[in-house]
Amino acid sequence: MATETFTFTNSRGQALHAVACLPAGGAPACRAALVFLHGYAEHTGRKLHVFEQLAAAGVAVYAYDMHGHGQSEPKEGLGRALLLDWRHMVDDACDFAEHARQRHAAATTTTTTTTSSSSSSSSNRSHTCKSSAAAAADVLWYLGGYSVGGLTAAHAVLRQQGQWAGLLLVSAALGLHTHGLLTRVQAALGGLLNAALPRRKLVKGLVTQQLNPDPKWVSQYDADPLVYHGKARVCTVYQFGKAIKELQRTRQQLRLPTYVLHATGDKVTQYEAAREIAASLPAAEMHTVEGGYHDLLSGAEVQQYVAGMAGWISRNCSMLN
């Protein structure tokens, strides 16, 4: 297995930190590839263990730190964890996905050509390059995300549904509880507050213990300098709300096979909203964690949950091939 870091520049000129986690044997060994989007306030490094487990199962994973998060620009000041328009998240996801496809195809071609150069005559090289490019095109691509990343992923596949083999939603922010991140005042007066005080930090931030009750995990999260620990800005939460409402309006257009994982005890995003969208989709597989917590991808049971994701991707690939 190999993990690579690189930089991706979005359409707004912001340099975003990115990572690729590939199975042993690199890009040519992949049967499937997953673009995975992290949640609000965190960064890709907090899900690297997930990517490594998926890579060990033969799934290449590409991910990036959302703008204003982790090691991505803006790295300081008012730009941290600031979202002026929810469509910016979707723009970045779609553009990064295209970049990941090109990078994966180039890695497949380069690796295969290098191997061929050491064992074949030059007369065979053009044929080898053509075959490796075709192999890269045969990789089935999936888009997934955790929390706000799941909300973003759902919007992104709606823009480019024909380019994806499936969608994975983990604790997706398809609805937010009116306590914690989204206060009752913000829910009722979000539009007015956004117009008057868009950049003010008025909304209570994430309560770490609501993400995961494990004291060790809480301590690590609170000490992580790349995690955004401050209050959420009015405009950021307002834009999350707009994205949720827009998805509620357009979700009936989703036709992709979809894997939904959510805990009934999630105190940040609504389990009921996840169950509702799963029930409304023609090819959804709902996995419910009784009790549970928001960040299912961290904690003692994470290997079990990731194995379920990998198994679904494998089964879906078998049906599509």
C-alpha atoms as a PDB file:
ATOM      1  CA  MET A   1       0.000   0.000   0.000  1.00  0.00           C
ATOM      2  CA  ALA A   2       1.242   3.503  -0.839  1.00  0.00           C
ATOM      3  CA  THR A   3       0.103   6.891   0.442  1.00  0.00           C
ATOM      4  CA  GLU A   4       0.940   9.996  -1.556  1.00  0.00           C
ATOM      5  CA  THR A   5       0.263  13.650  -0.802  1.00  0.00           C
ATOM      6  CA  PHE A   6      -0.155  16.345  -3.430  1.00  0.00           C
ATOM      7  CA  THR A   7      -1.719  19.766  -3.961  1.00  0.00           C
ATOM      8  CA  PHE A   8      -4.861  20.497  -5.933  1.00  0.00           C
ATOM      9  CA  THR A   9      -5.801  24.078  -6.850  1.00  0.00           C
ATOM     10  CA  ASN A  10      -9.531  24.763  -6.996  1.00  0.00           C
ATOM     11  CA  SER A  11     -11.337  27.125  -9.359  1.00  0.00           C
ATOM     12  CA  ARG A  12     -11.059  29.958  -6.810  1.00  0.00           C
ATOM     13  CA  GLY A  13      -7.254  29.719  -6.757  1.00  0.00           C
ATOM     14  CA  GLN A  14      -7.001  28.050  -3.345  1.00  0.00           C
ATOM     15  CA  ALA A  15      -4.335  25.367  -2.878  1.00  0.00           C
ATOM     16  CA  LEU A  16      -5.925  22.298  -1.300  1.00  0.00           C
ATOM     17  CA  HIS A  17      -3.964  19.574   0.445  1.00  0.00           C
ATOM     18  CA  ALA A  18      -4.780  16.151  -1.016  1.00  0.00           C
ATOM     19  CA  VAL A  19      -3.909  12.519  -0.461  1.00  0.00           C
ATOM     20  CA  ALA A  20      -4.035   9.324  -2.515  1.00  0.00           C
ATOM     21  CA  CYS A  21      -4.000   5.941  -0.800  1.00  0.00           C
ATOM     22  CA  LEU A  22      -3.362   3.107  -3.255  1.00  0.00           C
ATOM     23  CA  PRO A  23      -3.400  -0.685  -2.861  1.00  0.00           C
ATOM     24  CA  ALA A  24      -0.240  -2.734  -3.032  1.00  0.00           C
ATOM     25  CA  GLY A  25       0.774  -2.703  -6.668  1.00  0.00           C
ATOM     26  CA  GLY A  26      -0.370   0.891  -7.127  1.00  0.00           C
ATOM     27  CA  ALA A  27      -3.020   2.210  -9.499  1.00  0.00           C
ATOM     28  CA  PRO A  28      -2.948  -0.784 -11.888  1.00  0.00           C
ATOM     29  CA  ALA A  29      -3.996  -3.099  -9.044  1.00  0.00           C
ATOM     30  CA  CYS A  30      -7.242  -1.194  -8.389  1.00  0.00           C
ATOM     31  CA  ARG A  31     -10.648  -2.544  -9.248  1.00  0.00           C
ATOM     32  CA  ALA A  32     -12.413   0.506  -7.870  1.00  0.00           C
ATOM     33  CA  ALA A  33     -11.566   4.033  -6.765  1.00  0.00           C
ATOM     34  CA  LEU A  34     -13.278   6.203  -4.178  1.00  0.00           C
ATOM     35  CA  VAL A  35     -13.221   9.971  -3.810  1.00  0.00           C
ATOM     36  CA  PHE A  36     -14.031  10.616  -0.158  1.00  0.00           C
ATOM     37  CA  LEU A  37     -14.966  13.949   1.444  1.00  0.00           C
ATOM     38  CA  HIS A  38     -14.392  14.696   5.125  1.00  0.00           C
ATOM     39  CA  GLY A  39     -16.706  16.541   7.499  1.00  0.00           C
ATOM     40  CA  TYR A  40     -16.901  20.082   8.824  1.00  0.00           C
ATOM     41  CA  ALA A  41     -14.003  21.237  11.071  1.00  0.00           C
ATOM     42  CA  GLU A  42     -11.824  18.167  10.430  1.00  0.00           C
ATOM     43  CA  HIS A  43      -9.370  17.068   7.726  1.00  0.00           C
ATOM     44  CA  THR A  44      -8.369  14.020   5.677  1.00  0.00           C
ATOM     45  CA  GLY A  45      -5.641  12.989   8.121  1.00  0.00           C
ATOM     46  CA  ARG A  46      -8.311  12.000  10.629  1.00  0.00           C
ATOM     47  CA  LYS A  47      -9.654   9.407   8.199  1.00  0.00           C
ATOM     48  CA  LEU A  48      -6.345   8.033   6.917  1.00  0.00           C
ATOM     49  CA  HIS A  49      -6.907   4.744   8.778  1.00  0.00           C
ATOM     50  CA  VAL A  50     -10.144   4.351   6.810  1.00  0.00           C
ATOM     51  CA  PHE A  51      -8.385   4.983   3.511  1.00  0.00           C
ATOM     52  CA  GLU A  52      -5.661   2.475   4.357  1.00  0.00           C
ATOM     53  CA  GLN A  53      -8.173  -0.255   5.171  1.00  0.00           C
ATOM     54  CA  LEU A  54     -10.033   0.390   1.918  1.00  0.00           C
ATOM     55  CA  ALA A  55      -6.755   0.353  -0.026  1.00  0.00           C
ATOM     56  CA  ALA A  56      -5.892  -3.000   1.550  1.00  0.00           C
ATOM     57  CA  ALA A  57      -9.206  -4.240   0.137  1.00  0.00           C
ATOM     58  CA  GLY A  58      -8.222  -3.085  -3.353  1.00  0.00           C
ATOM     59  CA  VAL A  59      -9.983   0.290  -3.425  1.00  0.00           C
ATOM     60  CA  ALA A  60      -7.910   3.360  -4.275  1.00  0.00           C
ATOM     61  CA  VAL A  61      -8.922   6.393  -2.225  1.00  0.00           C
ATOM     62  CA  TYR A  62      -8.483  10.046  -3.158  1.00  0.00           C
ATOM     63  CA  ALA A  63      -9.320  12.814  -0.702  1.00  0.00           C
ATOM     64  CA  TYR A  64      -8.550  16.456   0.054  1.00  0.00           C
ATOM     65  CA  ASP A  65      -8.862  18.951   2.871  1.00  0.00           C
ATOM     66  CA  MET A  66     -11.846  21.181   2.189  1.00  0.00           C
ATOM     67  CA  HIS A  67     -10.944  24.852   1.663  1.00  0.00           C
ATOM     68  CA  GLY A  68     -10.250  26.550   4.973  1.00  0.00           C
ATOM     69  CA  HIS A  69      -9.708  23.181   6.661  1.00  0.00           C
ATOM     70  CA  GLY A  70      -6.671  21.134   7.620  1.00  0.00           C
ATOM     71  CA  GLN A  71      -3.682  22.018   5.460  1.00  0.00           C
ATOM     72  CA  SER A  72      -5.715  23.705   2.730  1.00  0.00           C
ATOM     73  CA  GLU A  73      -5.924  27.418   2.022  1.00  0.00           C
ATOM     74  CA  PRO A  74      -6.968  29.755   3.524  1.00  0.00           C
ATOM     75  CA  LYS A  75      -4.767  28.563   6.366  1.00  0.00           C
ATOM     76  CA  GLU A  76      -5.435  31.350   8.844  1.00  0.00           C
ATOM     77  CA  GLY A  77      -7.629  34.312   9.722  1.00  0.00           C
ATOM     78  CA  LEU A  78     -11.226  34.814   8.635  1.00  0.00           C
ATOM     79  CA  GLY A  79     -10.975  32.216   5.899  1.00  0.00           C
ATOM     80  CA  ARG A  80     -10.763  29.246   8.267  1.00  0.00           C
ATOM     81  CA  ALA A  81     -13.882  27.053   8.105  1.00  0.00           C
ATOM     82  CA  LEU A  82     -15.650  29.814   6.195  1.00  0.00           C
ATOM     83  CA  LEU A  83     -18.251  28.882   3.581  1.00  0.00           C
ATOM     84  CA  LEU A  84     -19.722  31.752   1.583  1.00  0.00           C
ATOM     85  CA  ASP A  85     -21.645  29.573  -0.874  1.00  0.00           C
ATOM     86  CA  TRP A  86     -22.447  25.873  -0.448  1.00  0.00           C
ATOM     87  CA  ARG A  87     -21.917  25.359  -4.167  1.00  0.00           C
ATOM     88  CA  HIS A  88     -18.209  26.022  -3.657  1.00  0.00           C
ATOM     89  CA  MET A  89     -17.982  22.677  -1.830  1.00  0.00           C
ATOM     90  CA  VAL A  90     -19.647  20.937  -4.756  1.00  0.00           C
ATOM     91  CA  ASP A  91     -17.467  22.742  -7.312  1.00  0.00           C
ATOM     92  CA  ASP A  92     -14.343  21.551  -5.519  1.00  0.00           C
ATOM     93  CA  ALA A  93     -15.618  17.972  -5.243  1.00  0.00           C
ATOM     94  CA  CYS A  94     -16.397  17.744  -8.960  1.00  0.00           C
ATOM     95  CA  ASP A  95     -13.125  19.382 -10.027  1.00  0.00           C
ATOM     96  CA  PHE A  96     -11.069  17.244  -7.650  1.00  0.00           C
ATOM     97  CA  ALA A  97     -12.773  14.095  -8.901  1.00  0.00           C
ATOM     98  CA  GLU A  98     -11.731  14.915 -12.450  1.00  0.00           C
ATOM     99  CA  HIS A  99      -8.193  15.617 -11.259  1.00  0.00           C
ATOM    100  CA  ALA A 100      -8.143  12.281  -9.394  1.00  0.00           C
ATOM    101  CA  ARG A 101      -9.294  10.385 -12.484  1.00  0.00           C
ATOM    102  CA  GLN A 102      -6.550  11.952 -14.584  1.00  0.00           C
ATOM    103  CA  ARG A 103      -3.943  11.303 -11.898  1.00  0.00           C
ATOM    104  CA  HIS A 104      -5.054   7.700 -11.546  1.00  0.00           C
ATOM    105  CA  ALA A 105      -4.979   7.097 -15.304  1.00  0.00           C
ATOM    106  CA  ALA A 106      -1.513   8.661 -15.563  1.00  0.00           C
ATOM    107  CA  ALA A 107      -0.240   6.515 -12.665  1.00  0.00           C
ATOM    108  CA  THR A 108      -1.650   3.390 -14.293  1.00  0.00           C
ATOM    109  CA  THR A 109      -0.055   4.186 -17.634  1.00  0.00           C
ATOM    110  CA  THR A 110       3.287   5.204 -16.128  1.00  0.00           C
ATOM    111  CA  THR A 111       3.547   2.136 -13.914  1.00  0.00           C
ATOM    112  CA  THR A 112       2.618  -0.274 -16.676  1.00  0.00           C
ATOM    113  CA  THR A 113       4.918   1.395 -19.196  1.00  0.00           C
ATOM    114  CA  THR A 114       7.846   1.360 -16.755  1.00  0.00           C
ATOM    115  CA  THR A 115       7.338  -2.327 -16.079  1.00  0.00           C
ATOM    116  CA  SER A 116       7.104  -3.060 -19.773  1.00  0.00           C
ATOM    117  CA  SER A 117      10.255  -1.089 -20.544  1.00  0.00           C
ATOM    118  CA  SER A 118      12.301  -3.386 -18.337  1.00  0.00           C
ATOM    119  CA  SER A 119      10.920  -6.605 -19.747  1.00  0.00           C
ATOM    120  CA  SER A 120       9.693  -5.952 -23.308  1.00  0.00           C
ATOM    121  CA  SER A 121      11.084  -4.624 -26.542  1.00  0.00           C
ATOM    122  CA  SER A 122      10.316  -1.078 -27.664  1.00  0.00           C
ATOM    123  CA  SER A 123       8.032  -2.449 -30.395  1.00  0.00           C
ATOM    124  CA  ASN A 124       5.561  -3.532 -27.711  1.00  0.00           C
ATOM    125  CA  ARG A 125       5.444  -0.293 -25.745  1.00  0.00           C
ATOM    126  CA  SER A 126       2.715   1.499 -27.681  1.00  0.00           C
ATOM    127  CA  HIS A 127       0.437  -1.500 -27.268  1.00  0.00           C
ATOM    128  CA  THR A 128       1.205  -1.592 -23.544  1.00  0.00           C
ATOM    129  CA  CYS A 129       0.336   2.091 -23.096  1.00  0.00           C
ATOM    130  CA  LYS A 130      -2.950   1.641 -24.904  1.00  0.00           C
ATOM    131  CA  SER A 131      -3.843  -1.359 -22.767  1.00  0.00           C
ATOM    132  CA  SER A 132      -2.990   0.418 -19.500  1.00  0.00           C
ATOM    133  CA  ALA A 133      -5.061   3.461 -20.453  1.00  0.00           C
ATOM    134  CA  ALA A 134      -7.981   1.178 -21.201  1.00  0.00           C
ATOM    135  CA  ALA A 135      -7.494  -0.526 -17.833  1.00  0.00           C
ATOM    136  CA  ALA A 136      -7.592   2.868 -16.086  1.00  0.00           C
ATOM    137  CA  ALA A 137     -10.835   3.702 -17.863  1.00  0.00           C
ATOM    138  CA  ASP A 138     -12.335   0.413 -16.632  1.00  0.00           C
ATOM    139  CA  VAL A 139     -11.917   1.372 -12.974  1.00  0.00           C
ATOM    140  CA  LEU A 140     -15.289   1.970 -11.340  1.00  0.00           C
ATOM    141  CA  TRP A 141     -15.434   5.278  -9.480  1.00  0.00           C
ATOM    142  CA  TYR A 142     -17.413   5.942  -6.322  1.00  0.00           C
ATOM    143  CA  LEU A 143     -18.029   9.173  -4.432  1.00  0.00           C
ATOM    144  CA  GLY A 144     -18.591   9.244  -0.706  1.00  0.00           C
ATOM    145  CA  GLY A 145     -18.428  11.444   2.319  1.00  0.00           C
ATOM    146  CA  TYR A 146     -18.847  11.744   6.048  1.00  0.00           C
ATOM    147  CA  SER A 147     -21.160  14.319   7.646  1.00  0.00           C
ATOM    148  CA  VAL A 148     -21.076  17.534   5.565  1.00  0.00           C
ATOM    149  CA  GLY A 149     -18.851  15.605   3.155  1.00  0.00           C
ATOM    150  CA  GLY A 150     -21.768  13.238   2.564  1.00  0.00           C
ATOM    151  CA  LEU A 151     -24.083  16.166   1.842  1.00  0.00           C
ATOM    152  CA  THR A 152     -21.525  17.516  -0.625  1.00  0.00           C
ATOM    153  CA  ALA A 153     -21.067  14.114  -2.271  1.00  0.00           C
ATOM    154  CA  ALA A 154     -24.810  13.764  -2.860  1.00  0.00           C
ATOM    155  CA  HIS A 155     -24.912  17.136  -4.623  1.00  0.00           C
ATOM    156  CA  ALA A 156     -21.800  16.332  -6.640  1.00  0.00           C
ATOM    157  CA  VAL A 157     -23.169  13.063  -8.039  1.00  0.00           C
ATOM    158  CA  LEU A 158     -26.369  14.843  -9.027  1.00  0.00           C
ATOM    159  CA  ARG A 159     -24.251  17.094 -11.251  1.00  0.00           C
ATOM    160  CA  GLN A 160     -22.385  14.199 -12.889  1.00  0.00           C
ATOM    161  CA  GLN A 161     -24.441  11.103 -12.178  1.00  0.00           C
ATOM    162  CA  GLY A 162     -23.311   9.242 -15.289  1.00  0.00           C
ATOM    163  CA  GLN A 163     -19.671   9.342 -14.183  1.00  0.00           C
ATOM    164  CA  TRP A 164     -20.160   7.426 -10.941  1.00  0.00           C
ATOM    165  CA  ALA A 165     -20.776   3.797 -10.066  1.00  0.00           C
ATOM    166  CA  GLY A 166     -22.182   4.533  -6.634  1.00  0.00           C
ATOM    167  CA  LEU A 167     -22.553   6.882  -3.655  1.00  0.00           C
ATOM    168  CA  LEU A 168     -21.553   6.316  -0.014  1.00  0.00           C
ATOM    169  CA  LEU A 169     -23.130   8.379   2.769  1.00  0.00           C
ATOM    170  CA  VAL A 170     -21.694   8.035   6.277  1.00  0.00           C
ATOM    171  CA  SER A 171     -23.451  10.022   9.031  1.00  0.00           C
ATOM    172  CA  ALA A 172     -24.364  12.368   6.189  1.00  0.00           C
ATOM    173  CA  ALA A 173     -25.639  15.856   7.008  1.00  0.00           C
ATOM    174  CA  LEU A 174     -28.983  15.394   5.276  1.00  0.00           C
ATOM    175  CA  GLY A 175     -30.616  17.056   8.270  1.00  0.00           C
ATOM    176  CA  LEU A 176     -29.119  18.786  11.321  1.00  0.00           C
ATOM    177  CA  HIS A 177     -30.362  18.704  14.889  1.00  0.00           C
ATOM    178  CA  THR A 178     -31.489  22.085  16.187  1.00  0.00           C
ATOM    179  CA  HIS A 179     -29.064  21.982  19.081  1.00  0.00           C
ATOM    180  CA  GLY A 180     -25.294  22.048  19.093  1.00  0.00           C
ATOM    181  CA  LEU A 181     -24.030  23.198  15.701  1.00  0.00           C
ATOM    182  CA  LEU A 182     -27.346  24.604  14.519  1.00  0.00           C
ATOM    183  CA  THR A 183     -29.019  26.532  17.341  1.00  0.00           C
ATOM    184  CA  ARG A 184     -32.726  27.185  17.466  1.00  0.00           C
ATOM    185  CA  VAL A 185     -32.137  30.886  16.894  1.00  0.00           C
ATOM    186  CA  GLN A 186     -30.012  30.206  13.835  1.00  0.00           C
ATOM    187  CA  ALA A 187     -32.609  27.811  12.480  1.00  0.00           C
ATOM    188  CA  ALA A 188     -35.390  30.383  12.852  1.00  0.00           C
ATOM    189  CA  LEU A 189     -33.509  33.554  11.876  1.00  0.00           C
ATOM    190  CA  GLY A 190     -30.700  32.207   9.709  1.00  0.00           C
ATOM    191  CA  GLY A 191     -31.524  34.407   6.708  1.00  0.00           C
ATOM    192  CA  LEU A 192     -31.631  37.607   8.736  1.00  0.00           C
ATOM    193  CA  LEU A 193     -28.461  36.791  10.642  1.00  0.00           C
ATOM    194  CA  ASN A 194     -26.688  35.858   7.428  1.00  0.00           C
ATOM    195  CA  ALA A 195     -27.591  39.184   5.864  1.00  0.00           C
ATOM    196  CA  ALA A 196     -26.555  41.226   8.894  1.00  0.00           C
ATOM    197  CA  LEU A 197     -23.642  39.282  10.419  1.00  0.00           C
ATOM    198  CA  PRO A 198     -22.440  36.670   7.903  1.00  0.00           C
ATOM    199  CA  ARG A 199     -18.860  36.311   9.202  1.00  0.00           C
ATOM    200  CA  ARG A 200     -19.597  36.530  12.905  1.00  0.00           C
ATOM    201  CA  LYS A 201     -18.903  33.463  15.037  1.00  0.00           C
ATOM    202  CA  LEU A 202     -22.289  33.247  16.720  1.00  0.00           C
ATOM    203  CA  VAL A 203     -23.097  29.565  16.352  1.00  0.00           C
ATOM    204  CA  LYS A 204     -21.889  27.091  18.948  1.00  0.00           C
ATOM    205  CA  GLY A 205     -19.252  24.765  17.523  1.00  0.00           C
ATOM    206  CA  LEU A 206     -19.234  21.000  17.532  1.00  0.00           C
ATOM    207  CA  VAL A 207     -19.351  19.332  20.939  1.00  0.00           C
ATOM    208  CA  THR A 208     -16.569  16.772  20.775  1.00  0.00           C
ATOM    209  CA  GLN A 209     -18.295  14.243  23.037  1.00  0.00           C
ATOM    210  CA  GLN A 210     -21.258  14.201  20.616  1.00  0.00           C
ATOM    211  CA  LEU A 211     -18.970  13.073  17.824  1.00  0.00           C
ATOM    212  CA  ASN A 212     -17.507  10.122  19.696  1.00  0.00           C
ATOM    213  CA  PRO A 213     -17.771   9.317  23.425  1.00  0.00           C
ATOM    214  CA  ASP A 214     -14.381   7.549  23.628  1.00  0.00           C
ATOM    215  CA  PRO A 215     -12.220   9.682  26.001  1.00  0.00           C
ATOM    216  CA  LYS A 216      -9.042   8.799  24.096  1.00  0.00           C
ATOM    217  CA  TRP A 217     -10.582   9.887  20.809  1.00  0.00           C
ATOM    218  CA  VAL A 218     -11.946  13.092  22.378  1.00  0.00           C
ATOM    219  CA  SER A 219      -8.507  13.959  23.727  1.00  0.00           C
ATOM    220  CA  GLN A 220      -6.867  13.381  20.334  1.00  0.00           C
ATOM    221  CA  TYR A 221      -9.509  15.426  18.521  1.00  0.00           C
ATOM    222  CA  ASP A 222      -9.268  18.341  20.954  1.00  0.00           C
ATOM    223  CA  ALA A 223      -5.458  18.362  20.696  1.00  0.00           C
ATOM    224  CA  ASP A 224      -5.349  18.181  16.886  1.00  0.00           C
ATOM    225  CA  PRO A 225      -4.038  21.555  15.620  1.00  0.00           C
ATOM    226  CA  LEU A 226      -5.469  20.957  12.150  1.00  0.00           C
ATOM    227  CA  VAL A 227      -9.024  20.623  13.463  1.00  0.00           C
ATOM    228  CA  TYR A 228     -11.074  23.830  13.561  1.00  0.00           C
ATOM    229  CA  HIS A 229     -12.173  24.208  17.180  1.00  0.00           C
ATOM    230  CA  GLY A 230     -13.886  27.595  17.163  1.00  0.00           C
ATOM    231  CA  LYS A 231     -17.496  28.659  16.840  1.00  0.00           C
ATOM    232  CA  ALA A 232     -19.106  28.301  13.433  1.00  0.00           C
ATOM    233  CA  ARG A 233     -19.702  31.444  11.412  1.00  0.00           C
ATOM    234  CA  VAL A 234     -23.284  32.411  10.671  1.00  0.00           C
ATOM    235  CA  CYS A 235     -22.853  32.212   6.906  1.00  0.00           C
ATOM    236  CA  THR A 236     -21.236  28.765   7.060  1.00  0.00           C
ATOM    237  CA  VAL A 237     -24.121  27.194   8.950  1.00  0.00           C
ATOM    238  CA  TYR A 238     -26.642  29.103   6.846  1.00  0.00           C
ATOM    239  CA  GLN A 239     -25.085  27.668   3.677  1.00  0.00           C
ATOM    240  CA  PHE A 240     -25.213  24.157   5.146  1.00  0.00           C
ATOM    241  CA  GLY A 241     -28.930  24.688   5.680  1.00  0.00           C
ATOM    242  CA  LYS A 242     -29.418  25.877   2.108  1.00  0.00           C
ATOM    243  CA  ALA A 243     -27.568  22.824   0.768  1.00  0.00           C
ATOM    244  CA  ILE A 244     -29.791  20.497   2.831  1.00  0.00           C
ATOM    245  CA  LYS A 245     -32.963  22.160   1.573  1.00  0.00           C
ATOM    246  CA  GLU A 246     -31.767  21.993  -2.031  1.00  0.00           C
ATOM    247  CA  LEU A 247     -30.993  18.288  -1.695  1.00  0.00           C
ATOM    248  CA  GLN A 248     -34.449  17.654  -0.273  1.00  0.00           C
ATOM    249  CA  ARG A 249     -35.828  19.249  -3.440  1.00  0.00           C
ATOM    250  CA  THR A 250     -33.646  17.352  -5.915  1.00  0.00           C
ATOM    251  CA  ARG A 251     -32.944  13.996  -4.249  1.00  0.00           C
ATOM    252  CA  GLN A 252     -35.612  12.194  -6.287  1.00  0.00           C
ATOM    253  CA  GLN A 253     -33.245  12.555  -9.246  1.00  0.00           C
ATOM    254  CA  LEU A 254     -30.694  10.226  -7.602  1.00  0.00           C
ATOM    255  CA  ARG A 255     -30.537   6.868  -9.379  1.00  0.00           C
ATOM    256  CA  LEU A 256     -27.133   5.554  -8.290  1.00  0.00           C
ATOM    257  CA  PRO A 257     -26.604   2.561  -6.014  1.00  0.00           C
ATOM    258  CA  THR A 258     -26.191   4.152  -2.583  1.00  0.00           C
ATOM    259  CA  TYR A 259     -24.708   2.895   0.678  1.00  0.00           C
ATOM    260  CA  VAL A 260     -26.081   4.663   3.761  1.00  0.00           C
ATOM    261  CA  LEU A 261     -24.511   4.207   7.217  1.00  0.00           C
ATOM    262  CA  HIS A 262     -25.958   6.125  10.154  1.00  0.00           C
ATOM    263  CA  ALA A 263     -26.372   5.746  13.913  1.00  0.00           C
ATOM    264  CA  THR A 264     -29.695   6.214  15.674  1.00  0.00           C
ATOM    265  CA  GLY A 265     -27.849   7.971  18.507  1.00  0.00           C
ATOM    266  CA  ASP A 266     -26.257  10.612  16.247  1.00  0.00           C
ATOM    267  CA  LYS A 267     -26.660  13.970  18.014  1.00  0.00           C
ATOM    268  CA  VAL A 268     -25.254  16.076  15.162  1.00  0.00           C
ATOM    269  CA  THR A 269     -26.964  14.880  11.985  1.00  0.00           C
ATOM    270  CA  GLN A 270     -30.412  13.361  11.775  1.00  0.00           C
ATOM    271  CA  TYR A 271     -30.733   9.592  11.467  1.00  0.00           C
ATOM    272  CA  GLU A 272     -34.339  10.067  10.352  1.00  0.00           C
ATOM    273  CA  ALA A 273     -33.214  12.123   7.354  1.00  0.00           C
ATOM    274  CA  ALA A 274     -30.764   9.395   6.314  1.00  0.00           C
ATOM    275  CA  ARG A 275     -33.400   6.689   6.663  1.00  0.00           C
ATOM    276  CA  GLU A 276     -35.868   8.773   4.662  1.00  0.00           C
ATOM    277  CA  ILE A 277     -33.502   9.346   1.757  1.00  0.00           C
ATOM    278  CA  ALA A 278     -32.516   5.671   1.708  1.00  0.00           C
ATOM    279  CA  ALA A 279     -36.176   4.684   1.533  1.00  0.00           C
ATOM    280  CA  SER A 280     -36.768   7.088  -1.349  1.00  0.00           C
ATOM    281  CA  LEU A 281     -33.922   5.864  -3.554  1.00  0.00           C
ATOM    282  CA  PRO A 282     -34.367   2.975  -6.002  1.00  0.00           C
ATOM    283  CA  ALA A 283     -31.037   1.296  -5.195  1.00  0.00           C
ATOM    284  CA  ALA A 284     -30.094   2.169  -1.621  1.00  0.00           C
ATOM    285  CA  GLU A 285     -28.703  -0.103   1.078  1.00  0.00           C
ATOM    286  CA  MET A 286     -29.336   1.226   4.588  1.00  0.00           C
ATOM    287  CA  HIS A 287     -27.123   0.179   7.505  1.00  0.00           C
ATOM    288  CA  THR A 288     -28.323   1.299  10.920  1.00  0.00           C
ATOM    289  CA  VAL A 289     -26.122   1.409  14.011  1.00  0.00           C
ATOM    290  CA  GLU A 290     -28.380   1.193  17.051  1.00  0.00           C
ATOM    291  CA  GLY A 291     -27.392   3.863  19.563  1.00  0.00           C
ATOM    292  CA  GLY A 292     -24.007   4.803  18.217  1.00  0.00           C
ATOM    293  CA  TYR A 293     -22.582   8.252  17.644  1.00  0.00           C
ATOM    294  CA  HIS A 294     -21.811  10.691  14.826  1.00  0.00           C
ATOM    295  CA  ASP A 295     -18.240   9.813  13.872  1.00  0.00           C
ATOM    296  CA  LEU A 296     -18.615   6.134  13.066  1.00  0.00           C
ATOM    297  CA  LEU A 297     -15.296   6.191  11.211  1.00  0.00           C
ATOM    298  CA  SER A 298     -13.351   6.640  14.443  1.00  0.00           C
ATOM    299  CA  GLY A 299     -13.567   4.344  17.429  1.00  0.00           C
ATOM    300  CA  ALA A 300     -13.487   0.694  18.377  1.00  0.00           C
ATOM    301  CA  GLU A 301     -15.945  -0.484  15.686  1.00  0.00           C
ATOM    302  CA  VAL A 302     -14.442   1.421  12.763  1.00  0.00           C
ATOM    303  CA  GLN A 303     -12.880  -1.651  11.116  1.00  0.00           C
ATOM    304  CA  GLN A 304     -16.266  -3.341  11.052  1.00  0.00           C
ATOM    305  CA  TYR A 305     -17.933  -0.334   9.430  1.00  0.00           C
ATOM    306  CA  VAL A 306     -15.191   0.153   6.840  1.00  0.00           C
ATOM    307  CA  ALA A 307     -15.285  -3.551   6.001  1.00  0.00           C
ATOM    308  CA  GLY A 308     -18.982  -3.093   5.295  1.00  0.00           C
ATOM    309  CA  MET A 309     -18.216  -0.206   2.927  1.00  0.00           C
ATOM    310  CA  ALA A 310     -15.523  -2.225   1.141  1.00  0.00           C
ATOM    311  CA  GLY A 311     -17.833  -5.221   0.845  1.00  0.00           C
ATOM    312  CA  TRP A 312     -20.576  -3.099  -0.702  1.00  0.00           C
ATOM    313  CA  ILE A 313     -18.167  -1.620  -3.244  1.00  0.00           C
ATOM    314  CA  SER A 314     -16.977  -5.125  -4.151  1.00  0.00           C
ATOM    315  CA  ARG A 315     -20.521  -6.451  -4.575  1.00  0.00           C
ATOM    316  CA  ASN A 316     -21.527  -3.441  -6.612  1.00  0.00           C
ATOM    317  CA  CYS A 317     -18.477  -3.830  -8.866  1.00  0.00           C
ATOM    318  CA  SER A 318     -19.380  -7.464  -9.467  1.00  0.00           C
ATOM    319  CA  MET A 319     -22.895  -6.512 -10.531  1.00  0.00           C
ATOM    320  CA  LEU A 320     -21.678  -3.751 -12.868  1.00  0.00           C
ATOM    321  CA  ASN A 321     -18.946  -5.816 -14.555  1.00  0.00           C
END
